[in-house]
C-alpha atoms as a PDB file:
ATOM      1  CA  MET A   1       9.667  91.537-136.823  1.00  0.00           C
ATOM      2  CA  SER A   2       9.029  95.407-128.314  1.00  0.00           C
ATOM      3  CA  GLY A   3       9.197  98.153-126.203  1.00  0.00           C
ATOM      4  CA  GLN A   4      11.389 101.078-125.858  1.00  0.00           C
ATOM      5  CA  GLY A   5      14.014 101.603-123.324  1.00  0.00           C
ATOM      6  CA  THR A   6      13.381 100.830-122.015  1.00  0.00           C
ATOM      7  CA  ASP A   7      11.743 102.701-124.870  1.00  0.00           C
ATOM      8  CA  ALA A   8      14.376 103.099-127.746  1.00  0.00           C
ATOM      9  CA  VAL A   9      16.880 100.152-126.335  1.00  0.00           C
ATOM     10  CA  ALA A  10      14.165  97.379-125.861  1.00  0.00           C
ATOM     11  CA  ALA A  11      12.616  98.068-129.078  1.00  0.00           C
ATOM     12  CA  GLY A  12      16.267  97.570-130.772  1.00  0.00           C
ATOM     13  CA  THR A  13      16.480  94.762-129.906  1.00  0.00           C
ATOM     14  CA  VAL A  14      13.013  92.750-129.852  1.00  0.00           C
ATOM     15  CA  ALA A  15      13.223  93.740-133.639  1.00  0.00           C
ATOM     16  CA  ALA A  16      17.062  93.178-133.849  1.00  0.00           C
ATOM     17  CA  GLY A  17      16.759  89.769-135.152  1.00  0.00           C
ATOM     18  CA  ALA A  18      13.715  90.304-137.652  1.00  0.00           C
ATOM     19  CA  ALA A  19      14.371  90.344-141.024  1.00  0.00           C
ATOM     20  CA  VAL A  20      12.225  90.922-143.649  1.00  0.00           C
ATOM     21  CA  SER A  21       9.010  90.503-141.282  1.00  0.00           C
ATOM     22  CA  THR A  22       6.586  93.236-142.650  1.00  0.00           C
ATOM     23  CA  PRO A  23       8.387  95.918-141.675  1.00  0.00           C
ATOM     24  CA  GLU A  24       4.700  96.872-141.721  1.00  0.00           C
ATOM     25  CA  ALA A  25       4.254  93.986-139.425  1.00  0.00           C
ATOM     26  CA  ALA A  26       6.575  95.308-136.999  1.00  0.00           C
ATOM     27  CA  GLY A  27       4.404  98.117-136.565  1.00  0.00           C
ATOM     28  CA  ALA A  28       2.166  96.707-133.874  1.00  0.00           C
ATOM     29  CA  VAL A  29       3.812  98.928-131.126  1.00  0.00           C
ATOM     30  CA  GLY A  30       1.850  99.787-128.479  1.00  0.00           C
ATOM     31  CA  GLY A  31      -1.325  97.732-129.785  1.00  0.00           C
ATOM     32  CA  GLU A  32      -2.338  96.086-126.505  1.00  0.00           C
ATOM     33  CA  ARG A  33      -1.910  92.768-124.931  1.00  0.00           C
ATOM     34  CA  GLY A  34      -3.521  90.382-123.104  1.00  0.00           C
ATOM     35  CA  PRO A  35      -2.186  88.396-120.050  1.00  0.00           C
ATOM     36  CA  ARG A  36       0.444  85.643-121.071  1.00  0.00           C
ATOM     37  CA  VAL A  37      -0.555  82.225-121.420  1.00  0.00           C
ATOM     38  CA  ARG A  38       2.528  80.152-119.774  1.00  0.00           C
ATOM     39  CA  GLY A  39       2.837  75.974-120.070  1.00  0.00           C
ATOM     40  CA  ARG A  40       1.477  74.009-122.098  1.00  0.00           C
ATOM     41  CA  GLY A  41       0.130  76.580-124.167  1.00  0.00           C
ATOM     42  CA  SER A  42       3.308  78.300-125.042  1.00  0.00           C
ATOM     43  CA  LEU A  43       3.557  75.906-128.808  1.00  0.00           C
ATOM     44  CA  GLY A  44       0.731  77.665-130.158  1.00  0.00           C
ATOM     45  CA  PRO A  45       2.357  81.097-130.023  1.00  0.00           C
ATOM     46  CA  VAL A  46       5.166  80.269-130.765  1.00  0.00           C
ATOM     47  CA  GLY A  47       4.018  78.293-133.749  1.00  0.00           C
ATOM     48  CA  LEU A  48       2.249  80.899-134.786  1.00  0.00           C
ATOM     49  CA  VAL A  49       5.313  83.648-134.786  1.00  0.00           C
ATOM     50  CA  LEU A  50       7.072  80.969-136.815  1.00  0.00           C
ATOM     51  CA  ALA A  51       4.224  80.930-139.440  1.00  0.00           C
ATOM     52  CA  GLY A  52       4.347  85.051-139.437  1.00  0.00           C
ATOM     53  CA  GLY A  53       7.855  84.883-140.578  1.00  0.00           C
ATOM     54  CA  LEU A  54       7.824  81.665-142.637  1.00  0.00           C
ATOM     55  CA  SER A  55       5.206  83.942-144.354  1.00  0.00           C
ATOM     56  CA  VAL A  56       6.998  86.952-144.460  1.00  0.00           C
ATOM     57  CA  GLN A  57      10.208  85.731-145.875  1.00  0.00           C
ATOM     58  CA  PHE A  58       8.334  83.224-148.639  1.00  0.00           C
ATOM     59  CA  GLY A  59       6.064  86.697-149.315  1.00  0.00           C
ATOM     60  CA  GLY A  60       9.388  88.454-150.442  1.00  0.00           C
ATOM     61  CA  ALA A  61      10.233  85.093-152.861  1.00  0.00           C
ATOM     62  CA  LEU A  62       7.229  85.182-154.178  1.00  0.00           C
ATOM     63  CA  ALA A  63       8.384  89.714-154.824  1.00  0.00           C
ATOM     64  CA  VAL A  64      11.483  88.769-156.363  1.00  0.00           C
ATOM     65  CA  THR A  65       9.464  86.366-159.095  1.00  0.00           C
ATOM     66  CA  LEU A  66       7.074  89.729-159.985  1.00  0.00           C
ATOM     67  CA  MET A  67      10.537  91.914-160.254  1.00  0.00           C
ATOM     68  CA  PRO A  68      10.628  91.043-164.124  1.00  0.00           C
ATOM     69  CA  LYS A  69       7.010  91.838-164.620  1.00  0.00           C
ATOM     70  CA  ALA A  70       7.129  95.348-162.614  1.00  0.00           C
ATOM     71  CA  GLY A  71      10.380  95.998-161.078  1.00  0.00           C
ATOM     72  CA  ALA A  72      11.549  96.642-157.799  1.00  0.00           C
ATOM     73  CA  LEU A  73       9.651  99.620-157.315  1.00  0.00           C
ATOM     74  CA  GLY A  74       6.488  98.154-158.676  1.00  0.00           C
ATOM     75  CA  VAL A  75       6.672  94.788-156.605  1.00  0.00           C
ATOM     76  CA  VAL A  76       6.910  97.664-153.712  1.00  0.00           C
ATOM     77  CA  SER A  77       4.556 100.207-154.901  1.00  0.00           C
ATOM     78  CA  ILE A  78       1.781  97.637-154.900  1.00  0.00           C
ATOM     79  CA  ARG A  79       2.710  95.627-151.925  1.00  0.00           C
ATOM     80  CA  LEU A  80       1.883  99.169-150.188  1.00  0.00           C
ATOM     81  CA  VAL A  81      -0.827 100.249-151.459  1.00  0.00           C
ATOM     82  CA  PHE A  82      -2.380  96.545-151.315  1.00  0.00           C
ATOM     83  CA  ALA A  83      -1.518  96.580-147.232  1.00  0.00           C
ATOM     84  CA  ALA A  84      -2.491 100.347-146.921  1.00  0.00           C
ATOM     85  CA  LEU A  85      -6.172  99.212-147.937  1.00  0.00           C
ATOM     86  CA  VAL A  86      -6.204  96.739-145.817  1.00  0.00           C
ATOM     87  CA  MET A  87      -5.311  97.854-142.815  1.00  0.00           C
ATOM     88  CA  MET A  88      -7.167 100.704-142.887  1.00  0.00           C
ATOM     89  CA  ALA A  89      -9.650  99.374-143.579  1.00  0.00           C
ATOM     90  CA  VAL A  90     -10.116  97.045-140.416  1.00  0.00           C
ATOM     91  CA  CYS A  91      -8.399  99.767-138.082  1.00  0.00           C
ATOM     92  CA  ARG A  92     -10.528 102.336-139.353  1.00  0.00           C
ATOM     93  CA  PRO A  93      -8.011 104.632-137.738  1.00  0.00           C
ATOM     94  CA  SER A  94      -9.395 107.894-136.521  1.00  0.00           C
ATOM     95  CA  VAL A  95      -8.176 110.919-137.966  1.00  0.00           C
ATOM     96  CA  ARG A  96      -9.143 113.815-134.923  1.00  0.00           C
ATOM     97  CA  GLY A  97      -8.023 114.803-132.347  1.00  0.00           C
ATOM     98  CA  TYR A  98      -3.968 114.484-132.694  1.00  0.00           C
ATOM     99  CA  THR A  99      -1.348 117.218-132.434  1.00  0.00           C
ATOM    100  CA  ARG A 100       1.251 118.141-135.013  1.00  0.00           C
ATOM    101  CA  ALA A 101       3.740 116.392-133.177  1.00  0.00           C
ATOM    102  CA  ASP A 102       1.656 113.152-133.080  1.00  0.00           C
ATOM    103  CA  TRP A 103       1.271 113.705-137.116  1.00  0.00           C
ATOM    104  CA  GLY A 104       5.186 114.523-137.617  1.00  0.00           C
ATOM    105  CA  THR A 105       5.616 110.704-135.835  1.00  0.00           C
ATOM    106  CA  VAL A 106       3.781 109.140-137.802  1.00  0.00           C
ATOM    107  CA  LEU A 107       4.788 110.803-141.214  1.00  0.00           C
ATOM    108  CA  ALA A 108       8.611 109.955-140.557  1.00  0.00           C
ATOM    109  CA  PHE A 109       7.758 106.190-139.460  1.00  0.00           C
ATOM    110  CA  GLY A 110       6.041 106.161-142.539  1.00  0.00           C
ATOM    111  CA  ALA A 111       8.973 108.164-145.035  1.00  0.00           C
ATOM    112  CA  ALA A 112      11.399 105.142-142.678  1.00  0.00           C
ATOM    113  CA  MET A 113       8.443 102.368-143.477  1.00  0.00           C
ATOM    114  CA  GLY A 114       8.576 103.241-147.449  1.00  0.00           C
ATOM    115  CA  GLY A 115      12.040 103.606-147.674  1.00  0.00           C
ATOM    116  CA  MET A 116      13.158 100.149-146.304  1.00  0.00           C
ATOM    117  CA  ASN A 117      11.136  98.423-148.043  1.00  0.00           C
ATOM    118  CA  ALA A 118      12.048 100.695-151.448  1.00  0.00           C
ATOM    119  CA  LEU A 119      15.730  99.994-150.604  1.00  0.00           C
ATOM    120  CA  PHE A 120      15.273  96.139-149.362  1.00  0.00           C
ATOM    121  CA  TYR A 121      13.171  95.290-152.712  1.00  0.00           C
ATOM    122  CA  GLN A 122      16.230  97.034-154.435  1.00  0.00           C
ATOM    123  CA  SER A 123      18.956  94.954-153.113  1.00  0.00           C
ATOM    124  CA  VAL A 124      16.833  91.233-153.409  1.00  0.00           C
ATOM    125  CA  ASP A 125      16.670  91.889-157.388  1.00  0.00           C
ATOM    126  CA  ARG A 126      20.503  91.977-157.679  1.00  0.00           C
ATOM    127  CA  ILE A 127      21.314  89.736-153.954  1.00  0.00           C
ATOM    128  CA  PRO A 128      20.192  86.904-153.074  1.00  0.00           C
ATOM    129  CA  LEU A 129      17.385  86.427-150.475  1.00  0.00           C
ATOM    130  CA  GLY A 130      18.994  85.052-147.437  1.00  0.00           C
ATOM    131  CA  PRO A 131      22.469  87.793-148.098  1.00  0.00           C
ATOM    132  CA  ALA A 132      20.380  90.585-148.105  1.00  0.00           C
ATOM    133  CA  VAL A 133      17.751  89.985-144.625  1.00  0.00           C
ATOM    134  CA  THR A 134      21.341  89.300-142.776  1.00  0.00           C
ATOM    135  CA  LEU A 135      23.124  92.734-144.362  1.00  0.00           C
ATOM    136  CA  GLU A 136      19.835  94.524-143.339  1.00  0.00           C
ATOM    137  CA  VAL A 137      19.364  92.981-139.446  1.00  0.00           C
ATOM    138  CA  LEU A 138      22.920  94.787-139.120  1.00  0.00           C
ATOM    139  CA  GLY A 139      20.525  97.883-138.876  1.00  0.00           C
ATOM    140  CA  PRO A 140      19.009  97.121-136.077  1.00  0.00           C
ATOM    141  CA  LEU A 141      21.669  95.512-134.364  1.00  0.00           C
ATOM    142  CA  ALA A 142      23.438  98.260-134.335  1.00  0.00           C
ATOM    143  CA  LEU A 143      20.864 100.157-132.626  1.00  0.00           C
ATOM    144  CA  SER A 144      21.110  97.619-130.215  1.00  0.00           C
ATOM    145  CA  VAL A 145      24.495  97.849-129.539  1.00  0.00           C
ATOM    146  CA  LEU A 146      24.959 101.770-129.219  1.00  0.00           C
ATOM    147  CA  ALA A 147      22.022 101.755-126.973  1.00  0.00           C
ATOM    148  CA  SER A 148      22.915  99.650-124.282  1.00  0.00           C
ATOM    149  CA  ARG A 149      26.414 100.342-123.876  1.00  0.00           C
ATOM    150  CA  ARG A 150      27.541  97.490-122.488  1.00  0.00           C
ATOM    151  CA  LEU A 151      30.783  96.075-123.301  1.00  0.00           C
ATOM    152  CA  ILE A 152      29.404  92.436-124.205  1.00  0.00           C
ATOM    153  CA  ASN A 153      27.794  93.770-127.012  1.00  0.00           C
ATOM    154  CA  VAL A 154      30.389  95.517-129.276  1.00  0.00           C
ATOM    155  CA  LEU A 155      31.583  91.839-128.706  1.00  0.00           C
ATOM    156  CA  TRP A 156      28.625  91.254-130.323  1.00  0.00           C
ATOM    157  CA  ALA A 157      29.209  93.534-132.715  1.00  0.00           C
ATOM    158  CA  LEU A 158      32.375  91.985-133.692  1.00  0.00           C
ATOM    159  CA  LEU A 159      30.355  88.789-134.314  1.00  0.00           C
ATOM    160  CA  ALA A 160      28.066  90.846-136.606  1.00  0.00           C
ATOM    161  CA  LEU A 161      31.208  91.859-138.055  1.00  0.00           C
ATOM    162  CA  SER A 162      33.062  89.269-138.527  1.00  0.00           C
ATOM    163  CA  GLY A 163      30.043  87.422-140.667  1.00  0.00           C
ATOM    164  CA  VAL A 164      30.167  90.212-142.675  1.00  0.00           C
ATOM    165  CA  PHE A 165      33.582  89.557-143.461  1.00  0.00           C
ATOM    166  CA  LEU A 166      33.060  86.627-144.513  1.00  0.00           C
ATOM    167  CA  LEU A 167      30.286  87.255-146.287  1.00  0.00           C
ATOM    168  CA  GLY A 168      32.204  89.617-147.813  1.00  0.00           C
ATOM    169  CA  GLY A 169      34.852  87.829-149.019  1.00  0.00           C
ATOM    170  CA  SER A 170      36.559  89.026-152.062  1.00  0.00           C
ATOM    171  CA  GLY A 171      34.106  91.627-153.109  1.00  0.00           C
ATOM    172  CA  PHE A 172      30.853  90.004-151.272  1.00  0.00           C
ATOM    173  CA  GLY A 173      31.703  86.331-152.726  1.00  0.00           C
ATOM    174  CA  GLY A 174      30.457  87.567-155.730  1.00  0.00           C
ATOM    175  CA  LEU A 175      27.597  89.510-154.568  1.00  0.00           C
ATOM    176  CA  ASP A 176      26.862  92.972-156.712  1.00  0.00           C
ATOM    177  CA  LEU A 177      27.845  96.233-154.836  1.00  0.00           C
ATOM    178  CA  ALA A 178      24.704  97.546-155.492  1.00  0.00           C
ATOM    179  CA  GLY A 179      22.785  95.306-153.945  1.00  0.00           C
ATOM    180  CA  VAL A 180      24.395  95.040-150.782  1.00  0.00           C
ATOM    181  CA  ALA A 181      24.633  98.912-150.590  1.00  0.00           C
ATOM    182  CA  PHE A 182      20.954  99.075-150.937  1.00  0.00           C
ATOM    183  CA  ALA A 183      20.275  95.964-148.080  1.00  0.00           C
ATOM    184  CA  LEU A 184      22.641  97.423-145.753  1.00  0.00           C
ATOM    185  CA  GLY A 185      20.420 101.028-146.313  1.00  0.00           C
ATOM    186  CA  ALA A 186      17.259  99.273-145.618  1.00  0.00           C
ATOM    187  CA  GLY A 187      19.372  98.244-142.590  1.00  0.00           C
ATOM    188  CA  ALA A 188      19.363 101.785-141.767  1.00  0.00           C
ATOM    189  CA  CYS A 189      16.282 103.176-142.278  1.00  0.00           C
ATOM    190  CA  TRP A 190      15.059  99.959-140.381  1.00  0.00           C
ATOM    191  CA  ALA A 191      16.733 100.935-137.691  1.00  0.00           C
ATOM    192  CA  ALA A 192      14.934 104.716-137.541  1.00  0.00           C
ATOM    193  CA  TYR A 193      11.653 102.607-138.592  1.00  0.00           C
ATOM    194  CA  ILE A 194      12.098 101.118-135.330  1.00  0.00           C
ATOM    195  CA  LEU A 195      12.382 104.251-133.031  1.00  0.00           C
ATOM    196  CA  PHE A 196       9.570 106.274-134.984  1.00  0.00           C
ATOM    197  CA  SER A 197       7.575 103.003-135.015  1.00  0.00           C
ATOM    198  CA  ALA A 198       8.378 103.516-131.115  1.00  0.00           C
ATOM    199  CA  GLY A 199       7.006 107.170-130.998  1.00  0.00           C
ATOM    200  CA  THR A 200       4.224 106.401-132.948  1.00  0.00           C
ATOM    201  CA  GLY A 201       2.883 103.250-130.998  1.00  0.00           C
ATOM    202  CA  ARG A 202       2.981 105.649-127.187  1.00  0.00           C
ATOM    203  CA  ARG A 203       0.978 108.270-129.763  1.00  0.00           C
ATOM    204  CA  PHE A 204      -1.697 105.927-131.334  1.00  0.00           C
ATOM    205  CA  PRO A 205      -3.705 103.681-129.650  1.00  0.00           C
ATOM    206  CA  GLN A 206      -3.968  99.846-131.647  1.00  0.00           C
ATOM    207  CA  ALA A 207      -2.857  99.465-134.596  1.00  0.00           C
ATOM    208  CA  ASP A 208      -4.289 103.321-135.730  1.00  0.00           C
ATOM    209  CA  GLY A 209      -0.224 104.482-136.025  1.00  0.00           C
ATOM    210  CA  LEU A 210       0.696 101.540-138.447  1.00  0.00           C
ATOM    211  CA  ALA A 211      -2.390 102.078-140.492  1.00  0.00           C
ATOM    212  CA  LEU A 212      -1.876 105.732-140.954  1.00  0.00           C
ATOM    213  CA  ALA A 213       1.849 105.287-141.553  1.00  0.00           C
ATOM    214  CA  LEU A 214       1.400 102.481-144.768  1.00  0.00           C
ATOM    215  CA  VAL A 215      -0.392 105.544-146.299  1.00  0.00           C
ATOM    216  CA  VAL A 216       1.972 108.083-146.027  1.00  0.00           C
ATOM    217  CA  ALA A 217       4.897 105.008-147.712  1.00  0.00           C
ATOM    218  CA  ALA A 218       2.647 103.562-150.158  1.00  0.00           C
ATOM    219  CA  VAL A 219       2.324 107.533-151.227  1.00  0.00           C
ATOM    220  CA  LEU A 220       5.752 108.155-150.709  1.00  0.00           C
ATOM    221  CA  VAL A 221       6.841 104.619-153.036  1.00  0.00           C
ATOM    222  CA  LEU A 222       3.839 105.045-155.523  1.00  0.00           C
ATOM    223  CA  PRO A 223       5.038 107.466-157.541  1.00  0.00           C
ATOM    224  CA  PHE A 224       8.682 105.863-158.042  1.00  0.00           C
ATOM    225  CA  GLY A 225       6.350 102.517-158.903  1.00  0.00           C
ATOM    226  CA  VAL A 226       4.743 103.736-161.251  1.00  0.00           C
ATOM    227  CA  ALA A 227       7.788 105.865-162.807  1.00  0.00           C
ATOM    228  CA  GLU A 228       9.806 102.463-163.580  1.00  0.00           C
ATOM    229  CA  ALA A 229       6.882  99.835-164.308  1.00  0.00           C
ATOM    230  CA  GLY A 230       3.945 102.017-166.233  1.00  0.00           C
ATOM    231  CA  ALA A 231       1.565  99.935-167.356  1.00  0.00           C
ATOM    232  CA  ALA A 232       2.641  97.097-165.938  1.00  0.00           C
ATOM    233  CA  LEU A 233       1.164  98.191-162.616  1.00  0.00           C
ATOM    234  CA  LEU A 234      -2.176  97.681-164.030  1.00  0.00           C
ATOM    235  CA  ASP A 235      -2.133  93.994-165.502  1.00  0.00           C
ATOM    236  CA  PRO A 236      -4.350  91.827-163.741  1.00  0.00           C
ATOM    237  CA  VAL A 237      -1.641  88.786-162.717  1.00  0.00           C
ATOM    238  CA  THR A 238       0.700  91.669-161.499  1.00  0.00           C
ATOM    239  CA  LEU A 239      -1.515  93.065-159.630  1.00  0.00           C
ATOM    240  CA  ALA A 240      -3.018  89.818-157.801  1.00  0.00           C
ATOM    241  CA  LEU A 241       0.449  88.403-157.257  1.00  0.00           C
ATOM    242  CA  GLY A 242       1.351  91.739-156.279  1.00  0.00           C
ATOM    243  CA  ALA A 243      -1.855  91.163-153.491  1.00  0.00           C
ATOM    244  CA  GLY A 244      -0.157  88.002-152.805  1.00  0.00           C
ATOM    245  CA  VAL A 245       2.816  89.111-151.277  1.00  0.00           C
ATOM    246  CA  ALA A 246       1.177  92.072-149.460  1.00  0.00           C
ATOM    247  CA  LEU A 247      -1.143  89.675-147.500  1.00  0.00           C
ATOM    248  CA  LEU A 248       1.845  86.954-147.314  1.00  0.00           C
ATOM    249  CA  SER A 249       4.342  89.771-146.184  1.00  0.00           C
ATOM    250  CA  SER A 250       2.057  92.225-144.409  1.00  0.00           C
ATOM    251  CA  VAL A 251      -1.786  91.231-143.810  1.00  0.00           C
ATOM    252  CA  VAL A 252      -0.535  87.722-142.518  1.00  0.00           C
ATOM    253  CA  PRO A 253       2.140  88.200-140.087  1.00  0.00           C
ATOM    254  CA  TYR A 254       1.223  91.266-138.705  1.00  0.00           C
ATOM    255  CA  THR A 255      -2.622  89.455-137.841  1.00  0.00           C
ATOM    256  CA  LEU A 256      -0.370  86.226-136.439  1.00  0.00           C
ATOM    257  CA  GLU A 257       2.433  88.342-134.286  1.00  0.00           C
ATOM    258  CA  LEU A 258      -0.300  90.062-132.961  1.00  0.00           C
ATOM    259  CA  ILE A 259      -2.439  87.246-131.795  1.00  0.00           C
ATOM    260  CA  ALA A 260       1.347  85.281-130.358  1.00  0.00           C
ATOM    261  CA  LEU A 261       2.100  88.856-128.400  1.00  0.00           C
ATOM    262  CA  ARG A 262      -0.828  87.914-126.137  1.00  0.00           C
ATOM    263  CA  ARG A 263       0.407  85.207-125.136  1.00  0.00           C
ATOM    264  CA  LEU A 264       4.036  84.654-125.371  1.00  0.00           C
ATOM    265  CA  PRO A 265       6.588  86.702-123.691  1.00  0.00           C
ATOM    266  CA  ALA A 266       8.645  89.413-125.460  1.00  0.00           C
ATOM    267  CA  SER A 267      11.889  87.798-124.724  1.00  0.00           C
ATOM    268  CA  THR A 268      11.029  85.023-126.239  1.00  0.00           C
ATOM    269  CA  PHE A 269       9.501  86.884-129.699  1.00  0.00           C
ATOM    270  CA  ALA A 270      12.305  88.938-129.769  1.00  0.00           C
ATOM    271  CA  VAL A 271      14.729  85.660-129.659  1.00  0.00           C
ATOM    272  CA  MET A 272      12.936  84.321-132.614  1.00  0.00           C
ATOM    273  CA  MET A 273      13.338  87.179-134.633  1.00  0.00           C
ATOM    274  CA  SER A 274      16.869  86.404-134.667  1.00  0.00           C
ATOM    275  CA  LEU A 275      16.175  83.006-136.533  1.00  0.00           C
ATOM    276  CA  GLU A 276      14.415  85.571-140.005  1.00  0.00           C
ATOM    277  CA  PRO A 277      17.973  85.328-141.699  1.00  0.00           C
ATOM    278  CA  ALA A 278      18.238  81.858-141.708  1.00  0.00           C
ATOM    279  CA  ILE A 279      14.049  81.328-142.591  1.00  0.00           C
ATOM    280  CA  ALA A 280      14.913  84.581-145.843  1.00  0.00           C
ATOM    281  CA  SER A 281      17.836  81.700-146.668  1.00  0.00           C
ATOM    282  CA  LEU A 282      15.168  78.906-146.472  1.00  0.00           C
ATOM    283  CA  ALA A 283      12.669  80.502-148.720  1.00  0.00           C
ATOM    284  CA  GLY A 284      15.674  82.061-151.013  1.00  0.00           C
ATOM    285  CA  PHE A 285      16.783  78.394-151.568  1.00  0.00           C
ATOM    286  CA  LEU A 286      13.147  76.692-152.113  1.00  0.00           C
ATOM    287  CA  VAL A 287      11.357  79.195-154.164  1.00  0.00           C
ATOM    288  CA  LEU A 288      14.380  81.188-156.242  1.00  0.00           C
ATOM    289  CA  SER A 289      17.123  78.256-155.955  1.00  0.00           C
ATOM    290  CA  GLN A 290      19.439  80.489-154.913  1.00  0.00           C
ATOM    291  CA  ALA A 291      21.363  78.038-152.716  1.00  0.00           C
ATOM    292  CA  LEU A 292      24.324  79.697-149.793  1.00  0.00           C
ATOM    293  CA  THR A 293      27.633  78.922-150.286  1.00  0.00           C
ATOM    294  CA  ALA A 294      29.226  76.955-146.995  1.00  0.00           C
ATOM    295  CA  VAL A 295      30.984  80.168-145.969  1.00  0.00           C
ATOM    296  CA  GLN A 296      27.840  82.118-146.778  1.00  0.00           C
ATOM    297  CA  ALA A 297      25.871  79.824-144.403  1.00  0.00           C
ATOM    298  CA  VAL A 298      28.567  80.383-141.734  1.00  0.00           C
ATOM    299  CA  ALA A 299      28.727  84.477-142.221  1.00  0.00           C
ATOM    300  CA  VAL A 300      24.671  84.174-141.829  1.00  0.00           C
ATOM    301  CA  ALA A 301      24.727  81.869-138.368  1.00  0.00           C
ATOM    302  CA  LEU A 302      27.257  84.324-137.344  1.00  0.00           C
ATOM    303  CA  VAL A 303      25.183  87.183-137.631  1.00  0.00           C
ATOM    304  CA  ILE A 304      22.061  85.227-136.352  1.00  0.00           C
ATOM    305  CA  GLY A 305      24.268  84.640-133.654  1.00  0.00           C
ATOM    306  CA  ALA A 306      25.147  88.239-132.867  1.00  0.00           C
ATOM    307  CA  SER A 307      21.256  88.927-133.072  1.00  0.00           C
ATOM    308  CA  PHE A 308      20.329  86.161-130.871  1.00  0.00           C
ATOM    309  CA  GLY A 309      22.992  86.737-127.561  1.00  0.00           C
ATOM    310  CA  ALA A 310      22.203  91.176-127.949  1.00  0.00           C
ATOM    311  CA  VAL A 311      18.539  90.315-127.440  1.00  0.00           C
ATOM    312  CA  ARG A 312      19.277  87.722-124.543  1.00  0.00           C
ATOM    313  CA  THR A 313      21.952  90.070-123.080  1.00  0.00           C
ATOM    314  CA  GLN A 314      18.989  93.410-123.517  1.00  0.00           C
ATOM    315  CA  VAL A 315      16.394  91.272-122.233  1.00  0.00           C
ATOM    316  CA  GLY A 316      18.234  89.925-119.402  1.00  0.00           C
ATOM    317  CA  ARG A 317      19.118  93.986-117.936  1.00  0.00           C
ATOM    318  CA  ARG A 318      14.885  94.680-118.135  1.00  0.00           C
ATOM    319  CA  PRO A 319      13.817  95.212-114.762  1.00  0.00           C
ATOM    320  CA  LYS A 320      11.595  92.585-113.098  1.00  0.00           C
ATOM    321  CA  GLY A 321       7.950  92.707-114.224  1.00  0.00           C
ATOM    322  CA  ALA A 322       8.961  95.449-116.945  1.00  0.00           C
ATOM    323  CA  GLU A 323       6.663  94.865-119.900  1.00  0.00           C
ATOM    324  CA  GLY A 324       7.775  96.409-123.211  1.00  0.00           C
ATOM    325  CA  ALA A 325       5.288  97.461-126.376  1.00  0.00           C
ATOM    326  CA  PRO A 326       5.280  94.697-129.221  1.00  0.00           C
ATOM    327  CA  VAL A 327       6.952  95.650-131.906  1.00  0.00           C
ATOM    328  CA  ALA A 328       6.002  93.193-134.398  1.00  0.00           C
ATOM    329  CA  SER A 329       9.125  91.927-136.784  1.00  0.00           C
ATOM    330  CA  GLY A 330       9.264  94.885-139.300  1.00  0.00           C
ATOM    331  CA  GLY A 331      11.686  94.256-141.479  1.00  0.00           C
ATOM    332  CA  PRO A 332      11.154  94.758-145.155  1.00  0.00           C
ATOM    333  CA  GLY A 333      11.184  91.422-146.733  1.00  0.00           C
ATOM    334  CA  ALA A 334       8.366  91.908-144.907  1.00  0.00           C
END
């Protein structure tokens, strides 16, 4: 839900497979990493990353169940507000000593985060969670391909497009076209999110930039959520469920992934993020009874394969010993 390339390039490839893993969670760019642990301890960090991915996607599924009460924008508003409050309380970032350029970067990061979340939630309000995440992940994948300038990544892009073609057969197999457009828009915002998260990580220590960007995202989206949901945002049950979405989609995965990245090679983390569309499809099936057709399942598998290949190709190009700042999963479903 990565370090750039190296900055922008590595950030794009590490996040290329991440879906709704909290776009917010993804903001852990520039956080400190402890020494990697290899050997017998490697299963622990892998388990933490998987748990974070499950938390993100099942949080996204919970958000879908809440949308009839508060609307897509109402749900994303509650989520961002709660996540911002928690991260500000935990990080307590300083607001002094930063330049206008620093604040411009964090504002752009927050705007990309807000747009990514708002568009993604509009998408899953109209189409199943698995296809939504699959379409959304094309944004980071496109960023990775464009940044790499290697022929092999053009092939990965064609593989991903073949998956989209299958998913879109006969008018996207009955998928709502507005939902498809929202998912693609969320993917474009995700690509921008990756770039600005990289800059934020270089300018702000630890997760301070993430906490501040969450505040920006919440402030930008909240007026739209109030306009759509109105008094429903004050309903205790809605607020409680929204807080649960924020914890599952942002706070829990961010914490787990940050711990894991201190002991797990960034390349391994990147490959694991490629599984997000599959996890999203599982969450959609178990929580929302959104079963994929055989063709849709093949389409999701093709996009996962393209993301996996692009990540591995990019990781193979990194200079020996090069380290990237961890970009957590970060996807909106997140």
